[in-house]
Amino acid sequence: GGVGKLKLTTPDDMLNTGIEVEAKPSGKNVK
């Protein structure tokens, strides 16, 4: 029931971008 995503911090600069982890377990309104 939870939702997890990976996002690029700067998608337009693939050589220097970071990766952001979003984690939202079921029943928790946090990322």
PDB file of all heavy atoms in Angstrom:
ATOM      1  N   GLY A   1       0.793  -1.223   0.000  1.00  0.00           N
ATOM      2  CA  GLY A   1       0.000   0.000   0.000  1.00  0.00           C
ATOM      3  C   GLY A   1       0.820   1.265   0.000  1.00  0.00           C
ATOM      4  O   GLY A   1       0.274   2.362  -0.142  1.00  0.00           O
ATOM      5  N   GLY A   2       2.149   1.135   0.140  1.00  0.00           N
ATOM      6  CA  GLY A   2       3.012   2.302   0.153  1.00  0.00           C
ATOM      7  C   GLY A   2       3.469   2.692  -1.243  1.00  0.00           C
ATOM      8  O   GLY A   2       3.309   1.944  -2.201  1.00  0.00           O
ATOM      9  N   VAL A   3       4.064   3.874  -1.349  1.00  0.00           N
ATOM     10  CA  VAL A   3       4.535   4.390  -2.636  1.00  0.00           C
ATOM     11  C   VAL A   3       5.977   4.873  -2.481  1.00  0.00           C
ATOM     12  O   VAL A   3       6.287   5.676  -1.600  1.00  0.00           O
ATOM     13  CB  VAL A   3       3.662   5.562  -3.136  1.00  0.00           C
ATOM     14  CG1 VAL A   3       4.212   6.109  -4.454  1.00  0.00           C
ATOM     15  CG2 VAL A   3       2.216   5.115  -3.301  1.00  0.00           C
ATOM     16  N   GLY A   4       6.847   4.373  -3.335  1.00  0.00           N
ATOM     17  CA  GLY A   4       8.242   4.795  -3.330  1.00  0.00           C
ATOM     18  C   GLY A   4       8.669   5.235  -4.723  1.00  0.00           C
ATOM     19  O   GLY A   4       8.301   4.596  -5.709  1.00  0.00           O
ATOM     20  N   LYS A   5       9.424   6.309  -4.792  1.00  0.00           N
ATOM     21  CA  LYS A   5       9.859   6.835  -6.084  1.00  0.00           C
ATOM     22  C   LYS A   5      11.310   7.299  -6.007  1.00  0.00           C
ATOM     23  O   LYS A   5      11.790   7.711  -4.951  1.00  0.00           O
ATOM     24  CB  LYS A   5       8.979   8.015  -6.521  1.00  0.00           C
ATOM     25  CG  LYS A   5       7.534   7.675  -6.809  1.00  0.00           C
ATOM     26  CD  LYS A   5       6.767   8.923  -7.242  1.00  0.00           C
ATOM     27  CE  LYS A   5       5.303   8.606  -7.530  1.00  0.00           C
ATOM     28  NZ  LYS A   5       4.554   9.827  -7.943  1.00  0.00           N
ATOM     29  N   LEU A   6      11.970   7.237  -7.150  1.00  0.00           N
ATOM     30  CA  LEU A   6      13.300   7.821  -7.304  1.00  0.00           C
ATOM     31  C   LEU A   6      13.189   8.979  -8.280  1.00  0.00           C
ATOM     32  O   LEU A   6      12.578   8.842  -9.343  1.00  0.00           O
ATOM     33  CB  LEU A   6      14.298   6.787  -7.839  1.00  0.00           C
ATOM     34  CG  LEU A   6      14.592   5.564  -6.972  1.00  0.00           C
ATOM     35  CD1 LEU A   6      15.603   4.658  -7.667  1.00  0.00           C
ATOM     36  CD2 LEU A   6      15.103   5.966  -5.603  1.00  0.00           C
ATOM     37  N   LYS A   7      13.790  10.115  -7.925  1.00  0.00           N
ATOM     38  CA  LYS A   7      13.745  11.285  -8.798  1.00  0.00           C
ATOM     39  C   LYS A   7      15.136  11.878  -8.948  1.00  0.00           C
ATOM     40  O   LYS A   7      15.950  11.827  -8.029  1.00  0.00           O
ATOM     41  CB  LYS A   7      12.793  12.349  -8.215  1.00  0.00           C
ATOM     42  CG  LYS A   7      11.324  11.963  -8.245  1.00  0.00           C
ATOM     43  CD  LYS A   7      10.449  13.122  -7.770  1.00  0.00           C
ATOM     44  CE  LYS A   7       8.977  12.783  -7.873  1.00  0.00           C
ATOM     45  NZ  LYS A   7       8.125  13.918  -7.419  1.00  0.00           N
ATOM     46  N   LEU A   8      15.382  12.452 -10.120  1.00  0.00           N
ATOM     47  CA  LEU A   8      16.638  13.152 -10.363  1.00  0.00           C
ATOM     48  C   LEU A   8      16.516  14.585  -9.858  1.00  0.00           C
ATOM     49  O   LEU A   8      15.509  15.250 -10.113  1.00  0.00           O
ATOM     50  CB  LEU A   8      16.981  13.151 -11.849  1.00  0.00           C
ATOM     51  CG  LEU A   8      17.215  11.778 -12.497  1.00  0.00           C
ATOM     52  CD1 LEU A   8      17.443  11.934 -13.999  1.00  0.00           C
ATOM     53  CD2 LEU A   8      18.394  11.065 -11.854  1.00  0.00           C
ATOM     54  N   THR A   9      17.539  15.055  -9.168  1.00  0.00           N
ATOM     55  CA  THR A   9      17.488  16.421  -8.642  1.00  0.00           C
ATOM     56  C   THR A   9      17.618  17.455  -9.750  1.00  0.00           C
ATOM     57  O   THR A   9      17.002  18.518  -9.696  1.00  0.00           O
ATOM     58  CB  THR A   9      18.598  16.639  -7.600  1.00  0.00           C
ATOM     59  OG1 THR A   9      19.868  16.317  -8.202  1.00  0.00           O
ATOM     60  CG2 THR A   9      18.381  15.733  -6.394  1.00  0.00           C
ATOM     61  N   THR A  10      18.436  17.159 -10.773  1.00  0.00           N
ATOM     62  CA  THR A  10      18.592  18.064 -11.921  1.00  0.00           C
ATOM     63  C   THR A  10      18.549  17.222 -13.201  1.00  0.00           C
ATOM     64  O   THR A  10      19.608  16.862 -13.743  1.00  0.00           O
ATOM     65  CB  THR A  10      19.921  18.845 -11.842  1.00  0.00           C
ATOM     66  OG1 THR A  10      20.999  17.917 -11.629  1.00  0.00           O
ATOM     67  CG2 THR A  10      19.899  19.846 -10.711  1.00  0.00           C
ATOM     68  N   PRO A  11      17.359  16.906 -13.684  1.00  0.00           N
ATOM     69  CA  PRO A  11      17.222  16.039 -14.862  1.00  0.00           C
ATOM     70  C   PRO A  11      17.898  16.589 -16.113  1.00  0.00           C
ATOM     71  O   PRO A  11      18.254  15.817 -17.009  1.00  0.00           O
ATOM     72  CB  PRO A  11      15.698  15.956 -15.055  1.00  0.00           C
ATOM     73  CG  PRO A  11      15.110  16.358 -13.745  1.00  0.00           C
ATOM     74  CD  PRO A  11      16.067  17.340 -13.157  1.00  0.00           C
ATOM     75  N   ASP A  12      18.070  17.914 -16.194  1.00  0.00           N
ATOM     76  CA  ASP A  12      18.677  18.512 -17.386  1.00  0.00           C
ATOM     77  C   ASP A  12      20.206  18.438 -17.382  1.00  0.00           C
ATOM     78  O   ASP A  12      20.842  18.787 -18.379  1.00  0.00           O
ATOM     79  CB  ASP A  12      18.241  19.980 -17.513  1.00  0.00           C
ATOM     80  CG  ASP A  12      16.737  20.116 -17.708  1.00  0.00           C
ATOM     81  OD1 ASP A  12      16.139  19.174 -18.267  1.00  0.00           O
ATOM     82  OD2 ASP A  12      16.178  21.142 -17.298  1.00  0.00           O
ATOM     83  N   ASP A  13      20.760  18.009 -16.275  1.00  0.00           N
ATOM     84  CA  ASP A  13      22.227  17.903 -16.168  1.00  0.00           C
ATOM     85  C   ASP A  13      22.564  16.508 -15.660  1.00  0.00           C
ATOM     86  O   ASP A  13      22.836  16.306 -14.479  1.00  0.00           O
ATOM     87  CB  ASP A  13      22.768  18.981 -15.221  1.00  0.00           C
ATOM     88  CG  ASP A  13      24.296  19.004 -15.197  1.00  0.00           C
ATOM     89  OD1 ASP A  13      24.920  18.243 -15.967  1.00  0.00           O
ATOM     90  OD2 ASP A  13      24.857  19.780 -14.399  1.00  0.00           O
ATOM     91  N   MET A  14      22.556  15.541 -16.564  1.00  0.00           N
ATOM     92  CA  MET A  14      22.711  14.142 -16.183  1.00  0.00           C
ATOM     93  C   MET A  14      24.088  13.823 -15.625  1.00  0.00           C
ATOM     94  O   MET A  14      24.259  12.849 -14.888  1.00  0.00           O
ATOM     95  CB  MET A  14      22.429  13.244 -17.393  1.00  0.00           C
ATOM     96  CG  MET A  14      21.027  13.356 -17.930  1.00  0.00           C
ATOM     97  SD  MET A  14      19.786  12.742 -16.772  1.00  0.00           S
ATOM     98  CE  MET A  14      19.940  10.996 -17.029  1.00  0.00           C
ATOM     99  N   LEU A  15      25.087  14.644 -15.962  1.00  0.00           N
ATOM    100  CA  LEU A  15      26.439  14.369 -15.480  1.00  0.00           C
ATOM    101  C   LEU A  15      26.636  14.800 -14.026  1.00  0.00           C
ATOM    102  O   LEU A  15      27.550  14.301 -13.355  1.00  0.00           O
ATOM    103  CB  LEU A  15      27.468  15.075 -16.370  1.00  0.00           C
ATOM    104  CG  LEU A  15      27.605  14.548 -17.799  1.00  0.00           C
ATOM    105  CD1 LEU A  15      28.583  15.403 -18.580  1.00  0.00           C
ATOM    106  CD2 LEU A  15      28.062  13.096 -17.801  1.00  0.00           C
ATOM    107  N   ASN A  16      25.806  15.708 -13.541  1.00  0.00           N
ATOM    108  CA  ASN A  16      25.985  16.230 -12.180  1.00  0.00           C
ATOM    109  C   ASN A  16      24.758  16.052 -11.304  1.00  0.00           C
ATOM    110  O   ASN A  16      24.745  16.525 -10.159  1.00  0.00           O
ATOM    111  CB  ASN A  16      26.355  17.724 -12.237  1.00  0.00           C
ATOM    112  CG  ASN A  16      27.665  17.964 -12.961  1.00  0.00           C
ATOM    113  OD1 ASN A  16      28.717  17.504 -12.537  1.00  0.00           O
ATOM    114  ND2 ASN A  16      27.599  18.680 -14.075  1.00  0.00           N
ATOM    115  N   THR A  17      23.738  15.384 -11.810  1.00  0.00           N
ATOM    116  CA  THR A  17      22.507  15.249 -11.047  1.00  0.00           C
ATOM    117  C   THR A  17      22.670  14.325  -9.851  1.00  0.00           C
ATOM    118  O   THR A  17      23.529  13.437  -9.832  1.00  0.00           O
ATOM    119  CB  THR A  17      21.370  14.725 -11.954  1.00  0.00           C
ATOM    120  OG1 THR A  17      20.145  14.731 -11.215  1.00  0.00           O
ATOM    121  CG2 THR A  17      21.663  13.303 -12.403  1.00  0.00           C
ATOM    122  N   GLY A  18      21.836  14.552  -8.853  1.00  0.00           N
ATOM    123  CA  GLY A  18      21.740  13.634  -7.721  1.00  0.00           C
ATOM    124  C   GLY A  18      20.451  12.838  -7.823  1.00  0.00           C
ATOM    125  O   GLY A  18      19.644  13.053  -8.735  1.00  0.00           O
ATOM    126  N   ILE A  19      20.284  11.909  -6.898  1.00  0.00           N
ATOM    127  CA  ILE A  19      19.072  11.079  -6.880  1.00  0.00           C
ATOM    128  C   ILE A  19      18.358  11.293  -5.555  1.00  0.00           C
ATOM    129  O   ILE A  19      18.962  11.208  -4.490  1.00  0.00           O
ATOM    130  CB  ILE A  19      19.409   9.589  -7.058  1.00  0.00           C
ATOM    131  CG1 ILE A  19      20.064   9.356  -8.416  1.00  0.00           C
ATOM    132  CG2 ILE A  19      18.155   8.734  -6.924  1.00  0.00           C
ATOM    133  CD1 ILE A  19      20.507   7.923  -8.643  1.00  0.00           C
ATOM    134  N   GLU A  20      17.079  11.572  -5.649  1.00  0.00           N
ATOM    135  CA  GLU A  20      16.265  11.807  -4.459  1.00  0.00           C
ATOM    136  C   GLU A  20      15.322  10.618  -4.269  1.00  0.00           C
ATOM    137  O   GLU A  20      14.665  10.173  -5.207  1.00  0.00           O
ATOM    138  CB  GLU A  20      15.468  13.094  -4.638  1.00  0.00           C
ATOM    139  CG  GLU A  20      14.827  13.618  -3.373  1.00  0.00           C
ATOM    140  CD  GLU A  20      14.191  14.981  -3.589  1.00  0.00           C
ATOM    141  OE1 GLU A  20      13.037  15.020  -4.080  1.00  0.00           O
ATOM    142  OE2 GLU A  20      14.840  16.004  -3.297  1.00  0.00           O
ATOM    143  N   VAL A  21      15.289  10.108  -3.038  1.00  0.00           N
ATOM    144  CA  VAL A  21      14.438   8.961  -2.717  1.00  0.00           C
ATOM    145  C   VAL A  21      13.195   9.454  -1.983  1.00  0.00           C
ATOM    146  O   VAL A  21      13.302  10.114  -0.934  1.00  0.00           O
ATOM    147  CB  VAL A  21      15.188   7.934  -1.845  1.00  0.00           C
ATOM    148  CG1 VAL A  21      14.273   6.751  -1.525  1.00  0.00           C
ATOM    149  CG2 VAL A  21      16.448   7.457  -2.549  1.00  0.00           C
ATOM    150  N   GLU A  22      12.028   9.143  -2.531  1.00  0.00           N
ATOM    151  CA  GLU A  22      10.766   9.459  -1.868  1.00  0.00           C
ATOM    152  C   GLU A  22      10.159   8.156  -1.367  1.00  0.00           C
ATOM    153  O   GLU A  22       9.969   7.212  -2.140  1.00  0.00           O
ATOM    154  CB  GLU A  22       9.795  10.158  -2.821  1.00  0.00           C
ATOM    155  CG  GLU A  22      10.201  11.578  -3.180  1.00  0.00           C
ATOM    156  CD  GLU A  22       9.129  12.308  -3.972  1.00  0.00           C
ATOM    157  OE1 GLU A  22       8.069  11.680  -4.230  1.00  0.00           O
ATOM    158  OE2 GLU A  22       9.340  13.469  -4.330  1.00  0.00           O
ATOM    159  N   ALA A  23       9.863   8.099  -0.082  1.00  0.00           N
ATOM    160  CA  ALA A  23       9.310   6.890   0.527  1.00  0.00           C
ATOM    161  C   ALA A  23       8.080   7.261   1.353  1.00  0.00           C
ATOM    162  O   ALA A  23       8.177   8.064   2.292  1.00  0.00           O
ATOM    163  CB  ALA A  23      10.358   6.215   1.404  1.00  0.00           C
ATOM    164  N   LYS A  24       6.946   6.664   1.002  1.00  0.00           N
ATOM    165  CA  LYS A  24       5.700   6.947   1.707  1.00  0.00           C
ATOM    166  C   LYS A  24       5.011   5.626   2.049  1.00  0.00           C
ATOM    167  O   LYS A  24       4.229   5.099   1.263  1.00  0.00           O
ATOM    168  CB  LYS A  24       4.785   7.819   0.845  1.00  0.00           C
ATOM    169  CG  LYS A  24       3.503   8.253   1.553  1.00  0.00           C
ATOM    170  CD  LYS A  24       2.658   9.128   0.646  1.00  0.00           C
ATOM    171  CE  LYS A  24       1.366   9.530   1.344  1.00  0.00           C
ATOM    172  NZ  LYS A  24       0.498  10.341   0.461  1.00  0.00           N
ATOM    173  N   PRO A  25       5.314   5.072   3.242  1.00  0.00           N
ATOM    174  CA  PRO A  25       4.626   3.842   3.663  1.00  0.00           C
ATOM    175  C   PRO A  25       3.124   4.080   3.810  1.00  0.00           C
ATOM    176  O   PRO A  25       2.678   5.212   4.028  1.00  0.00           O
ATOM    177  CB  PRO A  25       5.269   3.520   5.019  1.00  0.00           C
ATOM    178  CG  PRO A  25       6.574   4.256   5.004  1.00  0.00           C
ATOM    179  CD  PRO A  25       6.319   5.503   4.205  1.00  0.00           C
ATOM    180  N   SER A  26       2.376   3.025   3.702  1.00  0.00           N
ATOM    181  CA  SER A  26       0.924   3.134   3.818  1.00  0.00           C
ATOM    182  C   SER A  26       0.535   3.686   5.189  1.00  0.00           C
ATOM    183  O   SER A  26       1.064   3.266   6.221  1.00  0.00           O
ATOM    184  CB  SER A  26       0.285   1.749   3.625  1.00  0.00           C
ATOM    185  OG  SER A  26      -1.114   1.819   3.776  1.00  0.00           O
ATOM    186  N   GLY A  27      -0.365   4.665   5.170  1.00  0.00           N
ATOM    187  CA  GLY A  27      -0.849   5.245   6.420  1.00  0.00           C
ATOM    188  C   GLY A  27       0.006   6.374   6.954  1.00  0.00           C
ATOM    189  O   GLY A  27      -0.316   6.949   8.006  1.00  0.00           O
ATOM    190  N   LYS A  28       1.107   6.687   6.273  1.00  0.00           N
ATOM    191  CA  LYS A  28       1.973   7.775   6.722  1.00  0.00           C
ATOM    192  C   LYS A  28       2.045   8.839   5.636  1.00  0.00           C
ATOM    193  O   LYS A  28       2.361   8.523   4.487  1.00  0.00           O
ATOM    194  CB  LYS A  28       3.375   7.271   7.049  1.00  0.00           C
ATOM    195  CG  LYS A  28       3.448   6.427   8.306  1.00  0.00           C
ATOM    196  CD  LYS A  28       4.883   6.210   8.735  1.00  0.00           C
ATOM    197  CE  LYS A  28       4.949   5.499  10.074  1.00  0.00           C
ATOM    198  NZ  LYS A  28       6.346   5.351  10.555  1.00  0.00           N
ATOM    199  N   ASN A  29       1.801  10.081   6.010  1.00  0.00           N
ATOM    200  CA  ASN A  29       1.833  11.174   5.050  1.00  0.00           C
ATOM    201  C   ASN A  29       3.207  11.842   5.074  1.00  0.00           C
ATOM    202  O   ASN A  29       3.350  13.033   5.338  1.00  0.00           O
ATOM    203  CB  ASN A  29       0.728  12.184   5.366  1.00  0.00           C
ATOM    204  CG  ASN A  29       0.552  13.200   4.255  1.00  0.00           C
ATOM    205  OD1 ASN A  29       0.890  12.926   3.098  1.00  0.00           O
ATOM    206  ND2 ASN A  29       0.049  14.376   4.596  1.00  0.00           N
ATOM    207  N   VAL A  30       4.232  11.053   4.817  1.00  0.00           N
ATOM    208  CA  VAL A  30       5.598  11.573   4.794  1.00  0.00           C
ATOM    209  C   VAL A  30       6.284  11.084   3.525  1.00  0.00           C
ATOM    210  O   VAL A  30       5.903  10.068   2.948  1.00  0.00           O
ATOM    211  CB  VAL A  30       6.406  11.116   6.031  1.00  0.00           C
ATOM    212  CG1 VAL A  30       5.797  11.670   7.306  1.00  0.00           C
ATOM    213  CG2 VAL A  30       6.507   9.603   6.091  1.00  0.00           C
ATOM    214  N   LYS A  31       7.297  11.811   3.099  1.00  0.00           N
ATOM    215  CA  LYS A  31       8.078  11.419   1.929  1.00  0.00           C
ATOM    216  C   LYS A  31       9.580  11.392   2.227  1.00  0.00           C
ATOM    217  O   LYS A  31      10.325  10.681   1.579  1.00  0.00           O
ATOM    218  CB  LYS A  31       7.802  12.375   0.765  1.00  0.00           C
ATOM    219  CG  LYS A  31       6.411  12.250   0.172  1.00  0.00           C
ATOM    220  CD  LYS A  31       6.256  13.153  -1.042  1.00  0.00           C
ATOM    221  CE  LYS A  31       4.874  13.008  -1.664  1.00  0.00           C
ATOM    222  NZ  LYS A  31       4.731  13.871  -2.866  1.00  0.00           N
TER     223      LYS A  31
END
